[in-house]
């Protein structure tokens, strides 16, 4: 399990990936985006995974990008923004 995402693989090969920042309405930030990218990269190499279900913890699936993260991206230099994209 990662900090911002919970994963569960059942015996049928269903990988449930749950965004886990309900206090932020599951808004994406740099850490969550990196974790999600790593999970999906690893899942493509795992032949036991037949299906991926993406969901969100709490009452909101995902509110989009975290405003604080987006503001910090805008204040970064050009090279840093390209890395965060």
PDB file of N, CA and C in Angstrom:
ATOM      1  N   UNK A   1       0.841  -1.179   0.000  1.00  0.00           N
ATOM      2  CA  UNK A   1       0.000   0.000   0.000  1.00  0.00           C
ATOM      3  C   UNK A   1       0.889   1.246   0.000  1.00  0.00           C
ATOM      4  N   UNK A   2       0.443   2.218  -0.732  1.00  0.00           N
ATOM      5  CA  UNK A   2       1.176   3.474  -0.783  1.00  0.00           C
ATOM      6  C   UNK A   2       0.488   4.497   0.118  1.00  0.00           C
ATOM      7  N   UNK A   3       1.051   5.666   0.188  1.00  0.00           N
ATOM      8  CA  UNK A   3       0.515   6.687   1.089  1.00  0.00           C
ATOM      9  C   UNK A   3      -0.856   7.221   0.637  1.00  0.00           C
ATOM     10  N   UNK A   4      -1.006   7.479  -0.644  1.00  0.00           N
ATOM     11  CA  UNK A   4      -2.226   8.109  -1.139  1.00  0.00           C
ATOM     12  C   UNK A   4      -3.141   7.168  -1.910  1.00  0.00           C
ATOM     13  N   UNK A   5      -2.742   5.931  -2.080  1.00  0.00           N
ATOM     14  CA  UNK A   5      -3.522   4.985  -2.862  1.00  0.00           C
ATOM     15  C   UNK A   5      -3.520   3.634  -2.166  1.00  0.00           C
ATOM     16  N   UNK A   6      -4.695   3.009  -2.097  1.00  0.00           N
ATOM     17  CA  UNK A   6      -4.822   1.660  -1.556  1.00  0.00           C
ATOM     18  C   UNK A   6      -5.075   0.713  -2.722  1.00  0.00           C
ATOM     19  N   UNK A   7      -4.452  -0.455  -2.668  1.00  0.00           N
ATOM     20  CA  UNK A   7      -4.632  -1.452  -3.712  1.00  0.00           C
ATOM     21  C   UNK A   7      -5.020  -2.783  -3.098  1.00  0.00           C
ATOM     22  N   UNK A   8      -5.873  -3.517  -3.821  1.00  0.00           N
ATOM     23  CA  UNK A   8      -6.254  -4.854  -3.403  1.00  0.00           C
ATOM     24  C   UNK A   8      -6.434  -5.707  -4.645  1.00  0.00           C
ATOM     25  N   UNK A   9      -5.744  -6.833  -4.696  1.00  0.00           N
ATOM     26  CA  UNK A   9      -5.860  -7.777  -5.794  1.00  0.00           C
ATOM     27  C   UNK A   9      -6.578  -9.011  -5.273  1.00  0.00           C
ATOM     28  N   UNK A  10      -7.748  -9.315  -5.848  1.00  0.00           N
ATOM     29  CA  UNK A  10      -8.482 -10.489  -5.383  1.00  0.00           C
ATOM     30  C   UNK A  10      -8.102 -11.729  -6.194  1.00  0.00           C
ATOM     31  N   UNK A  11      -8.665 -12.892  -5.811  1.00  0.00           N
ATOM     32  CA  UNK A  11      -8.293 -14.152  -6.439  1.00  0.00           C
ATOM     33  C   UNK A  11      -8.770 -14.264  -7.883  1.00  0.00           C
ATOM     34  N   UNK A  12      -9.689 -13.398  -8.303  1.00  0.00           N
ATOM     35  CA  UNK A  12     -10.163 -13.416  -9.694  1.00  0.00           C
ATOM     36  C   UNK A  12      -9.254 -12.623 -10.622  1.00  0.00           C
ATOM     37  N   UNK A  13      -8.297 -11.881 -10.050  1.00  0.00           N
ATOM     38  CA  UNK A  13      -7.423 -11.049 -10.863  1.00  0.00           C
ATOM     39  C   UNK A  13      -7.917  -9.626 -11.010  1.00  0.00           C
ATOM     40  N   UNK A  14      -8.824  -9.209 -10.113  1.00  0.00           N
ATOM     41  CA  UNK A  14      -9.349  -7.842 -10.131  1.00  0.00           C
ATOM     42  C   UNK A  14      -8.517  -6.994  -9.168  1.00  0.00           C
ATOM     43  N   UNK A  15      -7.837  -6.002  -9.720  1.00  0.00           N
ATOM     44  CA  UNK A  15      -7.052  -5.080  -8.912  1.00  0.00           C
ATOM     45  C   UNK A  15      -7.901  -3.837  -8.663  1.00  0.00           C
ATOM     46  N   UNK A  16      -8.247  -3.605  -7.408  1.00  0.00           N
ATOM     47  CA  UNK A  16      -8.982  -2.401  -7.037  1.00  0.00           C
ATOM     48  C   UNK A  16      -7.971  -1.373  -6.561  1.00  0.00           C
ATOM     49  N   UNK A  17      -7.976  -0.220  -7.218  1.00  0.00           N
ATOM     50  CA  UNK A  17      -7.075   0.884  -6.913  1.00  0.00           C
ATOM     51  C   UNK A  17      -7.944   2.009  -6.370  1.00  0.00           C
ATOM     52  N   UNK A  18      -7.729   2.382  -5.105  1.00  0.00           N
ATOM     53  CA  UNK A  18      -8.568   3.389  -4.465  1.00  0.00           C
ATOM     54  C   UNK A  18      -7.759   4.632  -4.117  1.00  0.00           C
ATOM     55  N   UNK A  19      -8.167   5.768  -4.663  1.00  0.00           N
ATOM     56  CA  UNK A  19      -7.567   7.045  -4.291  1.00  0.00           C
ATOM     57  C   UNK A  19      -7.896   7.273  -2.820  1.00  0.00           C
ATOM     58  N   UNK A  20      -6.910   7.634  -2.009  1.00  0.00           N
ATOM     59  CA  UNK A  20      -7.096   7.668  -0.563  1.00  0.00           C
ATOM     60  C   UNK A  20      -6.657   9.008   0.041  1.00  0.00           C
ATOM     61  N   UNK A  21      -7.274  10.078  -0.439  1.00  0.00           N
ATOM     62  CA  UNK A  21      -7.082  11.405   0.168  1.00  0.00           C
ATOM     63  C   UNK A  21      -8.466  12.038   0.368  1.00  0.00           C
ATOM     64  N   UNK A  22      -9.339  11.380   1.118  1.00  0.00           N
ATOM     65  CA  UNK A  22     -10.710  11.900   1.239  1.00  0.00           C
ATOM     66  C   UNK A  22     -10.767  13.295   1.861  1.00  0.00           C
ATOM     67  N   UNK A  23      -9.780  13.632   2.694  1.00  0.00           N
ATOM     68  CA  UNK A  23      -9.760  14.966   3.307  1.00  0.00           C
ATOM     69  C   UNK A  23      -9.506  16.050   2.261  1.00  0.00           C
ATOM     70  N   UNK A  24      -8.962  15.668   1.109  1.00  0.00           N
ATOM     71  CA  UNK A  24      -8.708  16.584  -0.009  1.00  0.00           C
ATOM     72  C   UNK A  24      -9.604  16.247  -1.199  1.00  0.00           C
ATOM     73  N   UNK A  25     -10.667  15.488  -0.934  1.00  0.00           N
ATOM     74  CA  UNK A  25     -11.588  15.041  -1.979  1.00  0.00           C
ATOM     75  C   UNK A  25     -10.864  14.277  -3.086  1.00  0.00           C
ATOM     76  N   UNK A  26      -9.837  13.535  -2.680  1.00  0.00           N
ATOM     77  CA  UNK A  26      -9.042  12.700  -3.575  1.00  0.00           C
ATOM     78  C   UNK A  26      -8.417  13.478  -4.727  1.00  0.00           C
ATOM     79  N   UNK A  27      -8.085  14.738  -4.466  1.00  0.00           N
ATOM     80  CA  UNK A  27      -7.447  15.579  -5.477  1.00  0.00           C
ATOM     81  C   UNK A  27      -6.020  15.088  -5.734  1.00  0.00           C
ATOM     82  N   UNK A  28      -5.621  15.115  -7.005  1.00  0.00           N
ATOM     83  CA  UNK A  28      -4.280  14.689  -7.390  1.00  0.00           C
ATOM     84  C   UNK A  28      -3.235  15.711  -6.971  1.00  0.00           C
ATOM     85  N   UNK A  29      -2.129  15.202  -6.451  1.00  0.00           N
ATOM     86  CA  UNK A  29      -0.932  16.001  -6.242  1.00  0.00           C
ATOM     87  C   UNK A  29       0.229  15.210  -6.840  1.00  0.00           C
ATOM     88  N   UNK A  30       1.421  15.713  -6.728  1.00  0.00           N
ATOM     89  CA  UNK A  30       2.572  15.060  -7.350  1.00  0.00           C
ATOM     90  C   UNK A  30       2.775  13.641  -6.828  1.00  0.00           C
ATOM     91  N   UNK A  31       2.643  13.456  -5.514  1.00  0.00           N
ATOM     92  CA  UNK A  31       2.858  12.130  -4.923  1.00  0.00           C
ATOM     93  C   UNK A  31       1.811  11.134  -5.418  1.00  0.00           C
ATOM     94  N   UNK A  32       0.554  11.546  -5.447  1.00  0.00           N
ATOM     95  CA  UNK A  32      -0.499  10.643  -5.891  1.00  0.00           C
ATOM     96  C   UNK A  32      -0.316  10.275  -7.365  1.00  0.00           C
ATOM     97  N   UNK A  33       0.017  11.244  -8.183  1.00  0.00           N
ATOM     98  CA  UNK A  33       0.229  10.974  -9.602  1.00  0.00           C
ATOM     99  C   UNK A  33       1.385   9.998  -9.802  1.00  0.00           C
ATOM    100  N   UNK A  34       2.453  10.170  -9.054  1.00  0.00           N
ATOM    101  CA  UNK A  34       3.602   9.263  -9.147  1.00  0.00           C
ATOM    102  C   UNK A  34       3.239   7.859  -8.692  1.00  0.00           C
ATOM    103  N   UNK A  35       2.514   7.763  -7.587  1.00  0.00           N
ATOM    104  CA  UNK A  35       2.105   6.464  -7.071  1.00  0.00           C
ATOM    105  C   UNK A  35       1.193   5.748  -8.058  1.00  0.00           C
ATOM    106  N   UNK A  36       0.243   6.465  -8.622  1.00  0.00           N
ATOM    107  CA  UNK A  36      -0.688   5.870  -9.572  1.00  0.00           C
ATOM    108  C   UNK A  36       0.046   5.401 -10.830  1.00  0.00           C
ATOM    109  N   UNK A  37       0.978   6.194 -11.302  1.00  0.00           N
ATOM    110  CA  UNK A  37       1.770   5.810 -12.468  1.00  0.00           C
ATOM    111  C   UNK A  37       2.555   4.530 -12.192  1.00  0.00           C
ATOM    112  N   UNK A  38       3.165   4.438 -11.017  1.00  0.00           N
ATOM    113  CA  UNK A  38       3.937   3.244 -10.653  1.00  0.00           C
ATOM    114  C   UNK A  38       3.033   2.018 -10.543  1.00  0.00           C
ATOM    115  N   UNK A  39       1.869   2.178  -9.959  1.00  0.00           N
ATOM    116  CA  UNK A  39       0.940   1.053  -9.811  1.00  0.00           C
ATOM    117  C   UNK A  39       0.528   0.525 -11.178  1.00  0.00           C
ATOM    118  N   UNK A  40       0.161   1.423 -12.080  1.00  0.00           N
ATOM    119  CA  UNK A  40      -0.259   0.980 -13.409  1.00  0.00           C
ATOM    120  C   UNK A  40       0.905   0.407 -14.215  1.00  0.00           C
ATOM    121  N   UNK A  41       2.089   0.940 -14.058  1.00  0.00           N
ATOM    122  CA  UNK A  41       3.256   0.376 -14.741  1.00  0.00           C
ATOM    123  C   UNK A  41       3.514  -1.050 -14.274  1.00  0.00           C
ATOM    124  N   UNK A  42       3.437  -1.265 -12.971  1.00  0.00           N
ATOM    125  CA  UNK A  42       3.638  -2.610 -12.426  1.00  0.00           C
ATOM    126  C   UNK A  42       2.509  -3.547 -12.827  1.00  0.00           C
ATOM    127  N   UNK A  43       1.297  -3.043 -12.889  1.00  0.00           N
ATOM    128  CA  UNK A  43       0.145  -3.877 -13.224  1.00  0.00           C
ATOM    129  C   UNK A  43       0.222  -4.398 -14.657  1.00  0.00           C
ATOM    130  N   UNK A  44       0.784  -3.625 -15.559  1.00  0.00           N
ATOM    131  CA  UNK A  44       0.875  -4.073 -16.951  1.00  0.00           C
ATOM    132  C   UNK A  44       1.830  -5.255 -17.106  1.00  0.00           C
ATOM    133  N   UNK A  45       2.746  -5.410 -16.166  1.00  0.00           N
ATOM    134  CA  UNK A  45       3.695  -6.526 -16.212  1.00  0.00           C
ATOM    135  C   UNK A  45       3.203  -7.755 -15.449  1.00  0.00           C
ATOM    136  N   UNK A  46       2.087  -7.641 -14.747  1.00  0.00           N
ATOM    137  CA  UNK A  46       1.564  -8.729 -13.920  1.00  0.00           C
ATOM    138  C   UNK A  46       0.438  -9.442 -14.667  1.00  0.00           C
ATOM    139  N   UNK A  47       0.734 -10.632 -15.166  1.00  0.00           N
ATOM    140  CA  UNK A  47      -0.256 -11.366 -15.964  1.00  0.00           C
ATOM    141  C   UNK A  47      -1.433 -11.878 -15.145  1.00  0.00           C
ATOM    142  N   UNK A  48      -1.334 -11.853 -13.815  1.00  0.00           N
ATOM    143  CA  UNK A  48      -2.448 -12.305 -12.984  1.00  0.00           C
ATOM    144  C   UNK A  48      -3.552 -11.250 -12.886  1.00  0.00           C
ATOM    145  N   UNK A  49      -3.249 -10.017 -13.273  1.00  0.00           N
ATOM    146  CA  UNK A  49      -4.244  -8.942 -13.219  1.00  0.00           C
ATOM    147  C   UNK A  49      -5.038  -8.932 -14.522  1.00  0.00           C
ATOM    148  N   UNK A  50      -6.356  -9.132 -14.379  1.00  0.00           N
ATOM    149  CA  UNK A  50      -7.237  -9.193 -15.542  1.00  0.00           C
ATOM    150  C   UNK A  50      -8.053  -7.923 -15.715  1.00  0.00           C
ATOM    151  N   UNK A  51      -8.261  -7.195 -14.615  1.00  0.00           N
ATOM    152  CA  UNK A  51      -9.129  -6.024 -14.636  1.00  0.00           C
ATOM    153  C   UNK A  51      -8.663  -5.053 -13.553  1.00  0.00           C
ATOM    154  N   UNK A  52      -8.708  -3.764 -13.851  1.00  0.00           N
ATOM    155  CA  UNK A  52      -8.380  -2.741 -12.858  1.00  0.00           C
ATOM    156  C   UNK A  52      -9.606  -1.874 -12.637  1.00  0.00           C
ATOM    157  N   UNK A  53      -9.994  -1.734 -11.374  1.00  0.00           N
ATOM    158  CA  UNK A  53     -11.108  -0.878 -10.981  1.00  0.00           C
ATOM    159  C   UNK A  53     -10.525   0.310 -10.234  1.00  0.00           C
ATOM    160  N   UNK A  54     -10.828   1.522 -10.706  1.00  0.00           N
ATOM    161  CA  UNK A  54     -10.350   2.739 -10.050  1.00  0.00           C
ATOM    162  C   UNK A  54     -11.512   3.366  -9.297  1.00  0.00           C
ATOM    163  N   UNK A  55     -11.293   3.634  -8.010  1.00  0.00           N
ATOM    164  CA  UNK A  55     -12.345   4.243  -7.188  1.00  0.00           C
ATOM    165  C   UNK A  55     -11.718   5.259  -6.246  1.00  0.00           C
ATOM    166  N   UNK A  56     -12.566   5.923  -5.479  1.00  0.00           N
ATOM    167  CA  UNK A  56     -12.095   6.923  -4.536  1.00  0.00           C
ATOM    168  C   UNK A  56     -12.672   6.699  -3.154  1.00  0.00           C
ATOM    169  N   UNK A  57     -11.855   6.879  -2.129  1.00  0.00           N
ATOM    170  CA  UNK A  57     -12.287   6.768  -0.739  1.00  0.00           C
ATOM    171  C   UNK A  57     -13.172   7.959  -0.392  1.00  0.00           C
ATOM    172  N   UNK A  58     -14.251   7.720   0.333  1.00  0.00           N
ATOM    173  CA  UNK A  58     -15.131   8.808   0.752  1.00  0.00           C
ATOM    174  C   UNK A  58     -16.241   9.062  -0.258  1.00  0.00           C
ATOM    175  N   UNK A  59     -16.862  10.220  -0.142  1.00  0.00           N
ATOM    176  CA  UNK A  59     -18.044  10.517  -0.954  1.00  0.00           C
ATOM    177  C   UNK A  59     -17.719  11.106  -2.326  1.00  0.00           C
ATOM    178  N   UNK A  60     -16.461  11.473  -2.567  1.00  0.00           N
ATOM    179  CA  UNK A  60     -16.052  12.080  -3.840  1.00  0.00           C
ATOM    180  C   UNK A  60     -15.039  11.160  -4.515  1.00  0.00           C
ATOM    181  N   UNK A  61     -15.272  10.821  -5.790  1.00  0.00           N
ATOM    182  CA  UNK A  61     -14.296   9.994  -6.516  1.00  0.00           C
ATOM    183  C   UNK A  61     -12.973  10.734  -6.638  1.00  0.00           C
ATOM    184  N   UNK A  62     -12.980  11.895  -7.292  1.00  0.00           N
ATOM    185  CA  UNK A  62     -11.770  12.687  -7.472  1.00  0.00           C
ATOM    186  C   UNK A  62     -12.182  14.086  -7.904  1.00  0.00           C
ATOM    187  N   UNK A  63     -11.709  15.077  -7.194  1.00  0.00           N
ATOM    188  CA  UNK A  63     -12.085  16.457  -7.508  1.00  0.00           C
ATOM    189  C   UNK A  63     -11.147  17.114  -8.513  1.00  0.00           C
ATOM    190  N   UNK A  64     -10.176  16.349  -9.044  1.00  0.00           N
ATOM    191  CA  UNK A  64      -9.248  16.912 -10.025  1.00  0.00           C
ATOM    192  C   UNK A  64      -7.889  17.149  -9.401  1.00  0.00           C
ATOM    193  N   UNK A  65      -7.236  18.212  -9.835  1.00  0.00           N
ATOM    194  CA  UNK A  65      -5.915  18.543  -9.314  1.00  0.00           C
ATOM    195  C   UNK A  65      -6.003  19.310  -8.012  1.00  0.00           C
ATOM    196  N   UNK A  66      -5.098  18.999  -7.102  1.00  0.00           N
ATOM    197  CA  UNK A  66      -5.007  19.710  -5.827  1.00  0.00           C
ATOM    198  C   UNK A  66      -4.581  21.152  -6.117  1.00  0.00           C
ATOM    199  N   UNK A  67      -5.376  22.105  -5.679  1.00  0.00           N
ATOM    200  CA  UNK A  67      -5.132  23.524  -5.970  1.00  0.00           C
ATOM    201  C   UNK A  67      -3.753  23.964  -5.463  1.00  0.00           C
ATOM    202  N   UNK A  68      -3.391  23.552  -4.256  1.00  0.00           N
ATOM    203  CA  UNK A  68      -2.082  23.943  -3.709  1.00  0.00           C
ATOM    204  C   UNK A  68      -0.952  23.405  -4.586  1.00  0.00           C
ATOM    205  N   UNK A  69      -1.095  22.172  -5.062  1.00  0.00           N
ATOM    206  CA  UNK A  69      -0.075  21.583  -5.931  1.00  0.00           C
ATOM    207  C   UNK A  69      -0.015  22.333  -7.261  1.00  0.00           C
ATOM    208  N   UNK A  70      -1.173  22.636  -7.832  1.00  0.00           N
ATOM    209  CA  UNK A  70      -1.195  23.347  -9.109  1.00  0.00           C
ATOM    210  C   UNK A  70      -0.580  24.736  -8.979  1.00  0.00           C
ATOM    211  N   UNK A  71      -0.858  25.421  -7.878  1.00  0.00           N
ATOM    212  CA  UNK A  71      -0.250  26.740  -7.664  1.00  0.00           C
ATOM    213  C   UNK A  71       1.268  26.631  -7.547  1.00  0.00           C
ATOM    214  N   UNK A  72       1.740  25.612  -6.828  1.00  0.00           N
ATOM    215  CA  UNK A  72       3.185  25.454  -6.687  1.00  0.00           C
ATOM    216  C   UNK A  72       3.832  25.112  -8.029  1.00  0.00           C
ATOM    217  N   UNK A  73       3.128  24.368  -8.871  1.00  0.00           N
ATOM    218  CA  UNK A  73       3.647  24.057 -10.214  1.00  0.00           C
ATOM    219  C   UNK A  73       3.791  25.331 -11.037  1.00  0.00           C
ATOM    220  N   UNK A  74       2.818  26.217 -10.921  1.00  0.00           N
ATOM    221  CA  UNK A  74       2.857  27.465 -11.668  1.00  0.00           C
ATOM    222  C   UNK A  74       3.965  28.388 -11.208  1.00  0.00           C
ATOM    223  N   UNK A  75       4.394  28.246  -9.974  1.00  0.00           N
ATOM    224  CA  UNK A  75       5.451  29.091  -9.437  1.00  0.00           C
ATOM    225  C   UNK A  75       6.838  28.474  -9.631  1.00  0.00           C
ATOM    226  N   UNK A  76       6.883  27.242 -10.138  1.00  0.00           N
ATOM    227  CA  UNK A  76       8.157  26.567 -10.368  1.00  0.00           C
ATOM    228  C   UNK A  76       8.804  27.078 -11.644  1.00  0.00           C
ATOM    229  N   UNK A  77      10.078  26.806 -11.765  1.00  0.00           N
ATOM    230  CA  UNK A  77      10.739  27.151 -13.018  1.00  0.00           C
ATOM    231  C   UNK A  77      10.282  26.192 -14.122  1.00  0.00           C
ATOM    232  N   UNK A  78      10.601  26.502 -15.363  1.00  0.00           N
ATOM    233  CA  UNK A  78      10.101  25.747 -16.508  1.00  0.00           C
ATOM    234  C   UNK A  78      10.510  24.273 -16.457  1.00  0.00           C
ATOM    235  N   UNK A  79      11.751  23.987 -16.109  1.00  0.00           N
ATOM    236  CA  UNK A  79      12.222  22.611 -16.068  1.00  0.00           C
ATOM    237  C   UNK A  79      11.446  21.797 -15.034  1.00  0.00           C
ATOM    238  N   UNK A  80      11.205  22.363 -13.871  1.00  0.00           N
ATOM    239  CA  UNK A  80      10.459  21.667 -12.813  1.00  0.00           C
ATOM    240  C   UNK A  80       9.024  21.399 -13.258  1.00  0.00           C
ATOM    241  N   UNK A  81       8.394  22.355 -13.939  1.00  0.00           N
ATOM    242  CA  UNK A  81       7.028  22.141 -14.419  1.00  0.00           C
ATOM    243  C   UNK A  81       6.959  20.991 -15.395  1.00  0.00           C
ATOM    244  N   UNK A  82       7.954  20.863 -16.263  1.00  0.00           N
ATOM    245  CA  UNK A  82       7.977  19.766 -17.236  1.00  0.00           C
ATOM    246  C   UNK A  82       8.108  18.426 -16.519  1.00  0.00           C
ATOM    247  N   UNK A  83       8.867  18.376 -15.425  1.00  0.00           N
ATOM    248  CA  UNK A  83       9.031  17.139 -14.661  1.00  0.00           C
ATOM    249  C   UNK A  83       7.728  16.778 -13.966  1.00  0.00           C
ATOM    250  N   UNK A  84       6.964  17.762 -13.524  1.00  0.00           N
ATOM    251  CA  UNK A  84       5.739  17.502 -12.783  1.00  0.00           C
ATOM    252  C   UNK A  84       4.585  17.144 -13.702  1.00  0.00           C
ATOM    253  N   UNK A  85       4.675  17.430 -14.962  1.00  0.00           N
ATOM    254  CA  UNK A  85       3.569  17.168 -15.891  1.00  0.00           C
ATOM    255  C   UNK A  85       3.424  15.702 -16.176  1.00  0.00           C
TER     256      UNK A  85
END
